[in-house]
Amino acid sequence: MEPQAVPRDAPAPVSRRQLREQAAEAERAQRRHGAQPVEPPHPAISATHPGPAADRRPAVRLATAPPAKPRGAAARPVRWTARIGVLAALAGVTIAVPLTQASLPSGGFATAELAAEDMPGTVEALTASGLTGLPPASLVSTDATALRSTISASRSADREPLAGCDGSKRAPGTNGKLATADLCTLWQGGYQLRADAAVSLAVLNQAFVARFGADLCISSAYRTYGQQQSVKAQKGGLAAAPGKSNHGWGLAVDFCSQETTGARWTWLNENAPSYGWDNPEWARPGGSGPYERWHWEYTQGVKDDGEYYG
């Protein structure tokens, strides 16, 4: 048979040595530039020139897969390394920084007494810092002063049975014609009494409130001369003549009907005389005057300056 003619432009055959060198060169290039697709070593390896049987394998495109994330026991060192780093940072903030700030120039450490002396006061720290939303020092001191004044006034009022009423004063004047400035205003309805009678009644009221949880209810107290004339005109013999009533001296009150029955009435009869107040004998059943269980008088004041019947 005649040998087949080989085309002039056909590539020359490649030896095994050349193939190994090309493969090694491709591997070195891959290492230098990273994983890239690798083309067949030479176009001569084809169906026409397959080469030896050992080399007739499909071309392989090499690629480097991303490293897999560590799992299980392999991942633990990574997590512990991160945690140790965080703990070390916290230790540096909480221990190293305070010690560094408290250290002395000589290399020693400041004592608790020196640190306490150098520390600012509470108000200084609040006003000197850059914190927002805090009141300035002037407002702090002003509020504190106002609060102390309010507390002092409250305590003073607690010590006085009737705030602003001096029970040692005795109002001058005549029956039904006492000066308003010499009277003390009670806790209800603007009613007034002479100062000593008002303070005594206020003490009685405190005891009453402690027992029943409410103030004594009052329906009448000091009456001017003109007011007594009006009452006399309405009630006739049930009212004293103008100028003869202890209401006109600011030494008598009339309680509401709710205080003259039941447990409250019993309590008043048992306790009010100890505080200087009583339902006079003339106002009781069988007394010399009209029966008025609501009418109560400041006993000592009536004996000293009032209209005393008995």
Foldseek 3Di string as FASTA:
>chain_A
DDDDDDDPPQDDDDDPVLQVVLVVVQVVVCVVPPQFFDDRSDPNCDPVPVDDPVSNDDRDTDHDDPDDDDDDPVCVVVVVVVVVVVVVVVCCVPPVVVQVVQADPVGHGDDPVVVVVPDDDPLCVVQVDPDPPDDHSVVVVVVVVVVVVVVVVVVVVVVQLAPPFDLVDAFDDAFQDTDPVQWGAAPPDRATAGRNLRSLVSVVQVVVCVVVVDGFAFDHFAHHLVRLVVVCVVPPQQGDHRRADCSSRRFKTFTDPVCCDDPNVVCCQVPVVVSQKDDDQLLPVPHVGDPGSRMMGRHVCCVVDHNDDD
